[in-house]
Amino acid sequence: MTVPEDLFQAAMAARQRAYAPYSHFQVGAAVRDRSGAITIGCNVENASYGLSCCAERVALFDMVAALRTEPVELCVVADLPGVVSPCGACRQVIYELARDAVIYLCNTTGQSRAVTASDLLPFPFTLTREEDAPRS
């Protein structure tokens, strides 16, 4: 499955906004909801690394803040030889907020791989029974 060009370009543009003065590792993300609206996010670092936030979470949290609750696609882009892979915290957030979305893992040259939230996190943490868990 090929990443939609508009979603890829939105993630690339978001990547340019990254605040990464320590790692210099810029990541961009874009999430499309069922209505077609695209919300973007970039990684934001902090001198206290634990306070940093990844692009995937920024995009998904902004989507929630904008009252968009049905994500259908998520694209993540970084400058790597292969495709980027979300960290563990992002995998958990993706599972909860975008469980049914197609997730495109990309690099800046356009190489991509489509996966699901279950591919990224086969055994997610949950506080509820599966049938009671929130769905995207």
C-alpha atoms as a PDB file:
ATOM      1  CA  MET A   1       0.000   0.000   0.000  1.00  0.00           C
ATOM      2  CA  THR A   2       1.424   3.367  -1.004  1.00  0.00           C
ATOM      3  CA  VAL A   3       1.278   6.361   1.305  1.00  0.00           C
ATOM      4  CA  PRO A   4      -1.061   9.085  -0.039  1.00  0.00           C
ATOM      5  CA  GLU A   5       1.025  11.980  -1.371  1.00  0.00           C
ATOM      6  CA  ASP A   6      -0.869  14.710   0.510  1.00  0.00           C
ATOM      7  CA  LEU A   7      -0.437  12.893   3.818  1.00  0.00           C
ATOM      8  CA  PHE A   8       3.262  12.289   3.147  1.00  0.00           C
ATOM      9  CA  GLN A   9       3.819  15.956   2.227  1.00  0.00           C
ATOM     10  CA  ALA A  10       1.970  17.103   5.362  1.00  0.00           C
ATOM     11  CA  ALA A  11       4.246  14.919   7.503  1.00  0.00           C
ATOM     12  CA  MET A  12       7.315  16.210   5.634  1.00  0.00           C
ATOM     13  CA  ALA A  13       6.227  19.821   6.271  1.00  0.00           C
ATOM     14  CA  ALA A  14       5.602  19.037   9.947  1.00  0.00           C
ATOM     15  CA  ARG A  15       9.091  17.537  10.178  1.00  0.00           C
ATOM     16  CA  GLN A  16      10.562  20.909   9.217  1.00  0.00           C
ATOM     17  CA  ARG A  17       8.933  22.419  12.330  1.00  0.00           C
ATOM     18  CA  ALA A  18      10.564  19.950  14.734  1.00  0.00           C
ATOM     19  CA  TYR A  19      12.349  21.345  17.766  1.00  0.00           C
ATOM     20  CA  ALA A  20      15.303  18.974  18.047  1.00  0.00           C
ATOM     21  CA  PRO A  21      18.324  20.965  19.285  1.00  0.00           C
ATOM     22  CA  TYR A  22      19.830  17.987  21.130  1.00  0.00           C
ATOM     23  CA  SER A  23      19.385  14.972  18.869  1.00  0.00           C
ATOM     24  CA  HIS A  24      18.991  16.890  15.578  1.00  0.00           C
ATOM     25  CA  PHE A  25      16.588  14.048  14.671  1.00  0.00           C
ATOM     26  CA  GLN A  26      13.554  15.692  13.101  1.00  0.00           C
ATOM     27  CA  VAL A  27      10.343  13.678  12.841  1.00  0.00           C
ATOM     28  CA  GLY A  28       7.039  14.693  11.295  1.00  0.00           C
ATOM     29  CA  ALA A  29       3.639  13.062  11.506  1.00  0.00           C
ATOM     30  CA  ALA A  30       0.281  13.641   9.873  1.00  0.00           C
ATOM     31  CA  VAL A  31      -3.021  12.005  10.735  1.00  0.00           C
ATOM     32  CA  ARG A  32      -6.114  12.038   8.532  1.00  0.00           C
ATOM     33  CA  ASP A  33      -9.537  11.591  10.072  1.00  0.00           C
ATOM     34  CA  ARG A  34     -12.660  10.161   8.469  1.00  0.00           C
ATOM     35  CA  SER A  35     -13.768  13.642   7.320  1.00  0.00           C
ATOM     36  CA  GLY A  36     -10.505  14.059   5.384  1.00  0.00           C
ATOM     37  CA  ALA A  37      -9.017  16.672   7.728  1.00  0.00           C
ATOM     38  CA  ILE A  38      -5.273  16.346   8.302  1.00  0.00           C
ATOM     39  CA  THR A  39      -3.639  17.195  11.628  1.00  0.00           C
ATOM     40  CA  ILE A  40       0.151  17.419  11.893  1.00  0.00           C
ATOM     41  CA  GLY A  41       2.735  17.019  14.620  1.00  0.00           C
ATOM     42  CA  CYS A  42       6.493  17.274  15.036  1.00  0.00           C
ATOM     43  CA  ASN A  43       8.832  16.089  17.744  1.00  0.00           C
ATOM     44  CA  VAL A  44       9.567  18.619  20.485  1.00  0.00           C
ATOM     45  CA  GLU A  45      12.647  17.960  22.612  1.00  0.00           C
ATOM     46  CA  ASN A  46      13.528  19.231  26.047  1.00  0.00           C
ATOM     47  CA  ALA A  47      16.833  19.328  27.913  1.00  0.00           C
ATOM     48  CA  SER A  48      15.163  16.912  30.333  1.00  0.00           C
ATOM     49  CA  TYR A  49      14.691  14.181  27.710  1.00  0.00           C
ATOM     50  CA  GLY A  50      11.757  12.573  29.506  1.00  0.00           C
ATOM     51  CA  LEU A  51       9.752  15.739  28.903  1.00  0.00           C
ATOM     52  CA  SER A  52      10.178  15.502  25.126  1.00  0.00           C
ATOM     53  CA  CYS A  53       7.239  14.497  22.950  1.00  0.00           C
ATOM     54  CA  CYS A  54       7.321  12.560  19.695  1.00  0.00           C
ATOM     55  CA  ALA A  55       5.688  13.718  16.468  1.00  0.00           C
ATOM     56  CA  GLU A  56       3.167  10.871  16.462  1.00  0.00           C
ATOM     57  CA  ARG A  57       1.823  11.793  19.883  1.00  0.00           C
ATOM     58  CA  VAL A  58       1.761  15.524  19.083  1.00  0.00           C
ATOM     59  CA  ALA A  59      -0.313  14.857  15.931  1.00  0.00           C
ATOM     60  CA  LEU A  60      -2.704  12.471  17.676  1.00  0.00           C
ATOM     61  CA  PHE A  61      -3.109  14.694  20.749  1.00  0.00           C
ATOM     62  CA  ASP A  62      -3.790  17.711  18.510  1.00  0.00           C
ATOM     63  CA  MET A  63      -6.367  15.635  16.624  1.00  0.00           C
ATOM     64  CA  VAL A  64      -8.135  14.882  19.921  1.00  0.00           C
ATOM     65  CA  ALA A  65      -7.952  18.554  20.977  1.00  0.00           C
ATOM     66  CA  ALA A  66      -9.602  19.484  17.654  1.00  0.00           C
ATOM     67  CA  LEU A  67     -12.462  17.073  18.478  1.00  0.00           C
ATOM     68  CA  ARG A  68     -11.529  14.724  15.656  1.00  0.00           C
ATOM     69  CA  THR A  69     -11.962  11.163  16.849  1.00  0.00           C
ATOM     70  CA  GLU A  70     -11.925   8.871  13.828  1.00  0.00           C
ATOM     71  CA  PRO A  71      -8.388   8.666  12.413  1.00  0.00           C
ATOM     72  CA  VAL A  72      -8.074   6.564   9.275  1.00  0.00           C
ATOM     73  CA  GLU A  73      -4.425   7.135   8.302  1.00  0.00           C
ATOM     74  CA  LEU A  74      -1.239   8.139  10.117  1.00  0.00           C
ATOM     75  CA  CYS A  75       2.047   8.923   8.370  1.00  0.00           C
ATOM     76  CA  VAL A  76       5.379   9.239  10.212  1.00  0.00           C
ATOM     77  CA  VAL A  77       8.527  10.524   8.453  1.00  0.00           C
ATOM     78  CA  ALA A  78      12.193  10.787   9.484  1.00  0.00           C
ATOM     79  CA  ASP A  79      15.524  11.032   7.673  1.00  0.00           C
ATOM     80  CA  LEU A  80      16.791   7.458   7.943  1.00  0.00           C
ATOM     81  CA  PRO A  81      18.177   4.899   5.472  1.00  0.00           C
ATOM     82  CA  GLY A  82      15.036   2.791   6.080  1.00  0.00           C
ATOM     83  CA  VAL A  83      11.594   3.644   7.364  1.00  0.00           C
ATOM     84  CA  VAL A  84      11.108   5.164  10.815  1.00  0.00           C
ATOM     85  CA  SER A  85       9.554   3.089  13.583  1.00  0.00           C
ATOM     86  CA  PRO A  86       7.605   4.612  16.498  1.00  0.00           C
ATOM     87  CA  CYS A  87       8.926   4.341  20.045  1.00  0.00           C
ATOM     88  CA  GLY A  88       7.115   2.240  22.632  1.00  0.00           C
ATOM     89  CA  ALA A  89       5.171   5.164  24.108  1.00  0.00           C
ATOM     90  CA  CYS A  90       3.942   6.163  20.651  1.00  0.00           C
ATOM     91  CA  ARG A  91       2.944   2.591  19.867  1.00  0.00           C
ATOM     92  CA  GLN A  92       0.733   2.529  22.953  1.00  0.00           C
ATOM     93  CA  VAL A  93      -0.864   5.904  22.107  1.00  0.00           C
ATOM     94  CA  ILE A  94      -1.381   4.839  18.474  1.00  0.00           C
ATOM     95  CA  TYR A  95      -3.060   1.665  19.673  1.00  0.00           C
ATOM     96  CA  GLU A  96      -5.479   3.584  21.869  1.00  0.00           C
ATOM     97  CA  LEU A  97      -6.208   6.585  19.633  1.00  0.00           C
ATOM     98  CA  ALA A  98      -5.729   5.226  16.109  1.00  0.00           C
ATOM     99  CA  ARG A  99      -6.220   1.488  16.474  1.00  0.00           C
ATOM    100  CA  ASP A 100      -8.041   1.058  13.172  1.00  0.00           C
ATOM    101  CA  ALA A 101      -5.924   3.474  11.116  1.00  0.00           C
ATOM    102  CA  VAL A 102      -3.461   2.500   8.415  1.00  0.00           C
ATOM    103  CA  ILE A 103      -0.027   3.594   9.643  1.00  0.00           C
ATOM    104  CA  TYR A 104       2.615   4.553   7.097  1.00  0.00           C
ATOM    105  CA  LEU A 105       6.203   4.409   8.320  1.00  0.00           C
ATOM    106  CA  CYS A 106       8.371   6.459   5.931  1.00  0.00           C
ATOM    107  CA  ASN A 107      11.719   8.045   5.298  1.00  0.00           C
ATOM    108  CA  THR A 108      12.376  11.346   3.540  1.00  0.00           C
ATOM    109  CA  THR A 109      13.112   9.663   0.206  1.00  0.00           C
ATOM    110  CA  GLY A 110       9.571   8.282   0.065  1.00  0.00           C
ATOM    111  CA  GLN A 111      10.290   4.717   1.090  1.00  0.00           C
ATOM    112  CA  SER A 112       7.286   3.521   3.088  1.00  0.00           C
ATOM    113  CA  ARG A 113       5.740   0.559   4.813  1.00  0.00           C
ATOM    114  CA  ALA A 114       2.070   0.267   5.774  1.00  0.00           C
ATOM    115  CA  VAL A 115       1.316  -1.402   9.111  1.00  0.00           C
ATOM    116  CA  THR A 116      -1.469  -1.646  11.666  1.00  0.00           C
ATOM    117  CA  ALA A 117      -1.482  -0.690  15.329  1.00  0.00           C
ATOM    118  CA  SER A 118      -1.562  -4.398  16.185  1.00  0.00           C
ATOM    119  CA  ASP A 119       1.550  -4.947  14.032  1.00  0.00           C
ATOM    120  CA  LEU A 120       3.344  -2.278  16.070  1.00  0.00           C
ATOM    121  CA  LEU A 121       2.038  -3.396  19.455  1.00  0.00           C
ATOM    122  CA  PRO A 122       0.708  -6.963  19.527  1.00  0.00           C
ATOM    123  CA  PHE A 123       0.174  -6.977  23.315  1.00  0.00           C
ATOM    124  CA  PRO A 124      -1.058  -3.490  24.307  1.00  0.00           C
ATOM    125  CA  PHE A 125      -1.525  -2.261  27.850  1.00  0.00           C
ATOM    126  CA  THR A 126      -5.179  -1.732  28.731  1.00  0.00           C
ATOM    127  CA  LEU A 127      -7.199  -0.877  31.816  1.00  0.00           C
ATOM    128  CA  THR A 128     -10.381  -2.339  30.366  1.00  0.00           C
ATOM    129  CA  ARG A 129     -11.569  -5.541  28.787  1.00  0.00           C
ATOM    130  CA  GLU A 130     -10.911  -5.566  25.029  1.00  0.00           C
ATOM    131  CA  GLU A 131     -14.617  -5.326  24.189  1.00  0.00           C
ATOM    132  CA  ASP A 132     -14.980  -2.255  26.460  1.00  0.00           C
ATOM    133  CA  ALA A 133     -11.828  -0.478  25.254  1.00  0.00           C
ATOM    134  CA  PRO A 134     -12.185   2.851  23.401  1.00  0.00           C
ATOM    135  CA  ARG A 135     -12.038   2.487  19.603  1.00  0.00           C
ATOM    136  CA  SER A 136     -10.789   5.006  17.116  1.00  0.00           C
END
